[in-house]
Amino acid sequence: MEENVRNIPNNLEECYVELDAMSPEDSDNWIKATEKDAMGMAHHGLGQWLRNNWGLWCGSTLKTYFEGLGLHHADDMSGVILTSYHRHKNGKDINLDEQVQHYKDFWAKNKLE
């Protein structure tokens, strides 16, 4: 992963641009993996990097963007970024509303929010 933070994106489309520019060494393998496997590979590596460097824990405009969609936890935000990017790179519909609803349902069911 690139050490220097580039621009912190303001929305999901800008996330794609930044992720493309970062092009991690193993990105081809990650993109070719099934979605489930790709998310498993990325959550603690790239996902953690996104949460920490793109201000998903505190105060970035990207966090505010996701809060506007109804997401409030950094793990959920990075999950949507990674899932959407994987789908985008594989030419699939990102189904953003469905992804957001998945996390909302999780928190409602577990009454943890």
N, C-alpha and C. Protein backbone atom coordinates (compact mmCIF):
# COMPACT_ATOMS: atom_id res chain seq x y z
N MET A 1 0.85 -1.18 0.00
CA MET A 1 0.00 0.00 0.00
C MET A 1 0.89 1.24 0.00
N GLU A 2 0.49 2.19 -0.74
CA GLU A 2 1.21 3.45 -0.84
C GLU A 2 1.24 4.14 0.52
N GLU A 3 2.40 4.61 0.94
CA GLU A 3 2.54 5.23 2.26
C GLU A 3 1.90 6.61 2.34
N ASN A 4 2.05 7.41 1.31
CA ASN A 4 1.50 8.76 1.35
C ASN A 4 0.04 8.75 0.94
N VAL A 5 -0.74 9.48 1.70
CA VAL A 5 -2.16 9.59 1.38
C VAL A 5 -2.31 10.53 0.20
N ARG A 6 -3.02 10.07 -0.79
CA ARG A 6 -3.34 10.95 -1.91
C ARG A 6 -4.51 11.81 -1.46
N ASN A 7 -5.39 12.11 -2.32
CA ASN A 7 -6.57 12.88 -1.96
C ASN A 7 -7.59 12.00 -1.27
N ILE A 8 -8.20 12.51 -0.22
CA ILE A 8 -9.30 11.79 0.40
C ILE A 8 -10.53 12.06 -0.45
N PRO A 9 -11.14 11.02 -0.96
CA PRO A 9 -12.32 11.19 -1.82
C PRO A 9 -13.48 11.82 -1.05
N ASN A 10 -14.40 12.40 -1.81
CA ASN A 10 -15.60 12.99 -1.23
C ASN A 10 -16.82 12.11 -1.41
N ASN A 11 -16.74 11.14 -2.33
CA ASN A 11 -17.88 10.28 -2.62
C ASN A 11 -17.36 8.97 -3.22
N LEU A 12 -18.28 8.07 -3.49
CA LEU A 12 -17.90 6.75 -3.97
C LEU A 12 -17.19 6.78 -5.32
N GLU A 13 -17.64 7.62 -6.23
CA GLU A 13 -17.00 7.70 -7.55
C GLU A 13 -15.56 8.17 -7.42
N GLU A 14 -15.31 9.10 -6.52
CA GLU A 14 -13.93 9.57 -6.31
C GLU A 14 -13.09 8.48 -5.64
N CYS A 15 -13.72 7.59 -4.87
CA CYS A 15 -13.00 6.46 -4.29
C CYS A 15 -12.41 5.60 -5.40
N TYR A 16 -13.19 5.37 -6.46
CA TYR A 16 -12.71 4.55 -7.58
C TYR A 16 -11.46 5.18 -8.19
N VAL A 17 -11.48 6.48 -8.39
CA VAL A 17 -10.35 7.17 -9.00
C VAL A 17 -9.10 7.01 -8.14
N GLU A 18 -9.26 7.21 -6.83
CA GLU A 18 -8.12 7.10 -5.93
C GLU A 18 -7.60 5.67 -5.84
N LEU A 19 -8.53 4.70 -5.78
CA LEU A 19 -8.11 3.30 -5.73
C LEU A 19 -7.39 2.89 -7.01
N ASP A 20 -7.88 3.37 -8.14
CA ASP A 20 -7.20 3.10 -9.41
C ASP A 20 -5.78 3.68 -9.39
N ALA A 21 -5.64 4.87 -8.85
CA ALA A 21 -4.33 5.53 -8.82
C ALA A 21 -3.37 4.83 -7.85
N MET A 22 -3.91 4.24 -6.79
CA MET A 22 -3.07 3.54 -5.82
C MET A 22 -2.57 2.22 -6.37
N SER A 23 -3.37 1.56 -7.16
CA SER A 23 -3.09 0.26 -7.77
C SER A 23 -2.16 -0.63 -6.94
N PRO A 24 -2.69 -1.20 -5.87
CA PRO A 24 -1.86 -2.11 -5.05
C PRO A 24 -1.29 -3.24 -5.91
N GLU A 25 -0.14 -3.76 -5.52
CA GLU A 25 0.57 -4.78 -6.30
C GLU A 25 -0.29 -6.00 -6.61
N ASP A 26 -1.13 -6.40 -5.66
CA ASP A 26 -1.92 -7.62 -5.84
C ASP A 26 -3.34 -7.33 -6.31
N SER A 27 -3.57 -6.14 -6.88
CA SER A 27 -4.93 -5.76 -7.24
C SER A 27 -5.55 -6.66 -8.30
N ASP A 28 -4.75 -7.17 -9.24
CA ASP A 28 -5.30 -8.07 -10.26
C ASP A 28 -5.88 -9.33 -9.64
N ASN A 29 -5.16 -9.92 -8.69
CA ASN A 29 -5.66 -11.12 -8.02
C ASN A 29 -6.92 -10.79 -7.22
N TRP A 30 -6.93 -9.66 -6.57
CA TRP A 30 -8.07 -9.25 -5.76
C TRP A 30 -9.29 -9.02 -6.64
N ILE A 31 -9.11 -8.37 -7.75
CA ILE A 31 -10.23 -8.07 -8.65
C ILE A 31 -10.78 -9.35 -9.27
N LYS A 32 -9.91 -10.29 -9.58
CA LYS A 32 -10.35 -11.54 -10.20
C LYS A 32 -10.98 -12.52 -9.21
N ALA A 33 -10.76 -12.31 -7.92
CA ALA A 33 -11.32 -13.20 -6.90
C ALA A 33 -12.83 -13.03 -6.83
N THR A 34 -13.51 -14.03 -6.27
CA THR A 34 -14.95 -13.87 -6.05
C THR A 34 -15.14 -12.71 -5.08
N GLU A 35 -16.32 -12.12 -5.09
CA GLU A 35 -16.58 -10.99 -4.20
C GLU A 35 -16.35 -11.38 -2.74
N LYS A 36 -16.85 -12.52 -2.34
CA LYS A 36 -16.70 -12.96 -0.94
C LYS A 36 -15.22 -13.10 -0.58
N ASP A 37 -14.45 -13.74 -1.44
CA ASP A 37 -13.02 -13.91 -1.18
C ASP A 37 -12.29 -12.57 -1.19
N ALA A 38 -12.66 -11.70 -2.12
CA ALA A 38 -12.02 -10.39 -2.21
C ALA A 38 -12.26 -9.58 -0.95
N MET A 39 -13.49 -9.61 -0.44
CA MET A 39 -13.80 -8.86 0.78
C MET A 39 -13.04 -9.43 1.97
N GLY A 40 -12.92 -10.75 2.02
CA GLY A 40 -12.15 -11.38 3.09
C GLY A 40 -10.69 -10.99 3.05
N MET A 41 -10.14 -10.90 1.86
CA MET A 41 -8.73 -10.53 1.69
C MET A 41 -8.49 -9.06 2.04
N ALA A 42 -9.46 -8.21 1.77
CA ALA A 42 -9.23 -6.77 1.86
C ALA A 42 -9.61 -6.13 3.18
N HIS A 43 -10.48 -6.74 3.96
CA HIS A 43 -11.02 -6.06 5.15
C HIS A 43 -9.93 -5.58 6.10
N HIS A 44 -8.98 -6.43 6.42
CA HIS A 44 -7.97 -6.05 7.41
C HIS A 44 -6.76 -5.36 6.79
N GLY A 45 -6.58 -5.46 5.51
CA GLY A 45 -5.45 -4.80 4.85
C GLY A 45 -5.87 -3.46 4.25
N LEU A 46 -6.35 -3.53 3.03
CA LEU A 46 -6.78 -2.31 2.34
C LEU A 46 -7.93 -1.64 3.08
N GLY A 47 -8.85 -2.43 3.59
CA GLY A 47 -10.00 -1.85 4.32
C GLY A 47 -9.55 -1.04 5.53
N GLN A 48 -8.62 -1.59 6.28
CA GLN A 48 -8.10 -0.87 7.45
C GLN A 48 -7.38 0.40 7.01
N TRP A 49 -6.63 0.30 5.94
CA TRP A 49 -5.93 1.48 5.43
C TRP A 49 -6.93 2.57 5.06
N LEU A 50 -8.01 2.18 4.38
CA LEU A 50 -9.04 3.16 4.00
C LEU A 50 -9.66 3.80 5.24
N ARG A 51 -10.02 2.98 6.21
CA ARG A 51 -10.65 3.51 7.42
C ARG A 51 -9.74 4.51 8.12
N ASN A 52 -8.46 4.18 8.20
CA ASN A 52 -7.53 5.04 8.93
C ASN A 52 -7.07 6.26 8.14
N ASN A 53 -6.90 6.13 6.83
CA ASN A 53 -6.31 7.21 6.04
C ASN A 53 -7.32 8.07 5.31
N TRP A 54 -8.53 7.60 5.16
CA TRP A 54 -9.55 8.39 4.50
C TRP A 54 -10.54 8.99 5.50
N GLY A 55 -10.19 8.97 6.76
CA GLY A 55 -10.99 9.66 7.78
C GLY A 55 -12.37 9.06 8.01
N LEU A 56 -12.48 7.74 7.87
CA LEU A 56 -13.79 7.13 8.07
C LEU A 56 -14.14 6.98 9.55
N TRP A 57 -13.16 7.14 10.42
CA TRP A 57 -13.44 7.12 11.85
C TRP A 57 -13.81 8.52 12.35
N CYS A 58 -13.35 9.54 11.63
CA CYS A 58 -13.63 10.89 12.14
C CYS A 58 -13.56 11.94 11.03
N GLY A 59 -14.54 12.76 10.98
CA GLY A 59 -14.56 14.03 10.31
C GLY A 59 -14.25 14.26 8.86
N SER A 60 -14.01 13.26 8.03
CA SER A 60 -13.73 13.57 6.64
C SER A 60 -15.04 13.81 5.87
N THR A 61 -14.91 14.44 4.73
CA THR A 61 -16.10 14.63 3.89
C THR A 61 -16.62 13.29 3.37
N LEU A 62 -15.73 12.31 3.24
CA LEU A 62 -16.15 10.98 2.82
C LEU A 62 -17.02 10.33 3.90
N LYS A 63 -16.63 10.48 5.15
CA LYS A 63 -17.45 9.97 6.26
C LYS A 63 -18.82 10.65 6.24
N THR A 64 -18.84 11.97 6.03
CA THR A 64 -20.09 12.71 5.97
C THR A 64 -20.96 12.23 4.82
N TYR A 65 -20.35 11.92 3.68
CA TYR A 65 -21.06 11.37 2.53
C TYR A 65 -21.77 10.08 2.93
N PHE A 66 -21.05 9.17 3.57
CA PHE A 66 -21.64 7.89 3.96
C PHE A 66 -22.69 8.06 5.06
N GLU A 67 -22.47 8.99 5.96
CA GLU A 67 -23.48 9.26 6.98
C GLU A 67 -24.77 9.74 6.33
N GLY A 68 -24.65 10.49 5.25
CA GLY A 68 -25.81 10.95 4.50
C GLY A 68 -26.58 9.80 3.86
N LEU A 69 -25.89 8.68 3.63
CA LEU A 69 -26.54 7.49 3.10
C LEU A 69 -27.14 6.63 4.21
N GLY A 70 -26.82 6.98 5.46
CA GLY A 70 -27.34 6.22 6.60
C GLY A 70 -26.35 5.27 7.23
N LEU A 71 -25.08 5.34 6.83
CA LEU A 71 -24.05 4.49 7.43
C LEU A 71 -23.29 5.30 8.48
N HIS A 72 -22.99 4.65 9.61
CA HIS A 72 -22.35 5.38 10.70
C HIS A 72 -21.10 4.70 11.24
N HIS A 73 -20.80 3.50 10.78
CA HIS A 73 -19.62 2.79 11.27
C HIS A 73 -18.58 2.70 10.15
N ALA A 74 -17.34 2.98 10.51
CA ALA A 74 -16.26 2.99 9.51
C ALA A 74 -16.10 1.64 8.81
N ASP A 75 -16.30 0.53 9.52
CA ASP A 75 -16.20 -0.78 8.88
C ASP A 75 -17.25 -0.93 7.78
N ASP A 76 -18.45 -0.43 8.03
CA ASP A 76 -19.51 -0.50 7.03
C ASP A 76 -19.15 0.35 5.81
N MET A 77 -18.62 1.52 6.07
CA MET A 77 -18.24 2.43 4.99
C MET A 77 -17.15 1.80 4.11
N SER A 78 -16.12 1.25 4.75
CA SER A 78 -15.06 0.62 3.96
C SER A 78 -15.59 -0.62 3.25
N GLY A 79 -16.53 -1.31 3.85
CA GLY A 79 -17.14 -2.46 3.19
C GLY A 79 -17.86 -2.06 1.92
N VAL A 80 -18.58 -0.96 1.97
CA VAL A 80 -19.28 -0.47 0.78
C VAL A 80 -18.28 -0.02 -0.27
N ILE A 81 -17.23 0.67 0.15
CA ILE A 81 -16.21 1.11 -0.80
C ILE A 81 -15.59 -0.10 -1.51
N LEU A 82 -15.18 -1.08 -0.74
CA LEU A 82 -14.50 -2.25 -1.31
C LEU A 82 -15.43 -3.09 -2.18
N THR A 83 -16.64 -3.32 -1.70
CA THR A 83 -17.61 -4.10 -2.48
C THR A 83 -17.94 -3.38 -3.78
N SER A 84 -18.20 -2.08 -3.68
CA SER A 84 -18.55 -1.30 -4.86
C SER A 84 -17.40 -1.26 -5.86
N TYR A 85 -16.19 -1.08 -5.37
CA TYR A 85 -15.03 -1.03 -6.25
C TYR A 85 -14.83 -2.38 -6.94
N HIS A 86 -14.95 -3.46 -6.20
CA HIS A 86 -14.81 -4.79 -6.78
C HIS A 86 -15.86 -5.00 -7.87
N ARG A 87 -17.10 -4.65 -7.58
CA ARG A 87 -18.17 -4.79 -8.58
C ARG A 87 -17.92 -3.89 -9.79
N HIS A 88 -17.51 -2.66 -9.52
CA HIS A 88 -17.21 -1.69 -10.59
C HIS A 88 -16.13 -2.25 -11.52
N LYS A 89 -15.06 -2.79 -10.95
CA LYS A 89 -13.95 -3.31 -11.76
C LYS A 89 -14.36 -4.56 -12.54
N ASN A 90 -15.38 -5.26 -12.05
CA ASN A 90 -15.85 -6.46 -12.73
C ASN A 90 -17.08 -6.20 -13.60
N GLY A 91 -17.42 -4.92 -13.80
CA GLY A 91 -18.52 -4.55 -14.68
C GLY A 91 -19.89 -4.93 -14.16
N LYS A 92 -20.03 -5.01 -12.84
CA LYS A 92 -21.31 -5.37 -12.23
C LYS A 92 -21.99 -4.14 -11.64
N ASP A 93 -23.29 -4.19 -11.51
CA ASP A 93 -24.04 -3.13 -10.85
C ASP A 93 -23.63 -3.12 -9.38
N ILE A 94 -23.32 -1.96 -8.83
CA ILE A 94 -22.86 -1.92 -7.45
C ILE A 94 -24.01 -2.07 -6.44
N ASN A 95 -25.23 -1.83 -6.87
CA ASN A 95 -26.40 -1.97 -5.98
C ASN A 95 -26.16 -1.25 -4.65
N LEU A 96 -25.86 0.02 -4.72
CA LEU A 96 -25.53 0.80 -3.53
C LEU A 96 -26.65 0.77 -2.50
N ASP A 97 -27.88 0.98 -2.94
CA ASP A 97 -28.99 0.99 -1.98
C ASP A 97 -29.10 -0.32 -1.23
N GLU A 98 -28.90 -1.42 -1.94
CA GLU A 98 -28.96 -2.75 -1.32
C GLU A 98 -27.83 -2.94 -0.31
N GLN A 99 -26.65 -2.47 -0.65
CA GLN A 99 -25.52 -2.58 0.28
C GLN A 99 -25.79 -1.79 1.56
N VAL A 100 -26.25 -0.56 1.39
CA VAL A 100 -26.53 0.29 2.55
C VAL A 100 -27.61 -0.35 3.40
N GLN A 101 -28.65 -0.87 2.78
CA GLN A 101 -29.74 -1.49 3.53
C GLN A 101 -29.25 -2.71 4.30
N HIS A 102 -28.32 -3.45 3.74
CA HIS A 102 -27.74 -4.61 4.43
C HIS A 102 -27.16 -4.19 5.78
N TYR A 103 -26.40 -3.11 5.80
CA TYR A 103 -25.79 -2.65 7.04
C TYR A 103 -26.83 -2.07 7.99
N LYS A 104 -27.78 -1.34 7.47
CA LYS A 104 -28.85 -0.80 8.32
C LYS A 104 -29.62 -1.94 8.98
N ASP A 105 -29.93 -2.97 8.21
CA ASP A 105 -30.65 -4.13 8.76
C ASP A 105 -29.82 -4.82 9.84
N PHE A 106 -28.52 -4.94 9.61
CA PHE A 106 -27.65 -5.56 10.60
C PHE A 106 -27.73 -4.82 11.93
N TRP A 107 -27.58 -3.50 11.87
CA TRP A 107 -27.60 -2.71 13.11
C TRP A 107 -28.97 -2.74 13.77
N ALA A 108 -30.03 -2.69 12.97
CA ALA A 108 -31.38 -2.74 13.53
C ALA A 108 -31.63 -4.10 14.22
N LYS A 109 -31.21 -5.15 13.57
CA LYS A 109 -31.41 -6.51 14.11
C LYS A 109 -30.63 -6.70 15.41
N ASN A 110 -29.43 -6.17 15.44
CA ASN A 110 -28.56 -6.35 16.60
C ASN A 110 -28.67 -5.22 17.62
N LYS A 111 -29.45 -4.21 17.29
CA LYS A 111 -29.69 -3.08 18.19
C LYS A 111 -28.40 -2.55 18.80
N LEU A 112 -27.40 -2.43 17.93
CA LEU A 112 -26.08 -1.99 18.39
C LEU A 112 -25.78 -0.54 18.03
N GLU A 113 -26.58 0.05 17.19
CA GLU A 113 -26.26 1.40 16.74
C GLU A 113 -26.68 2.41 17.79
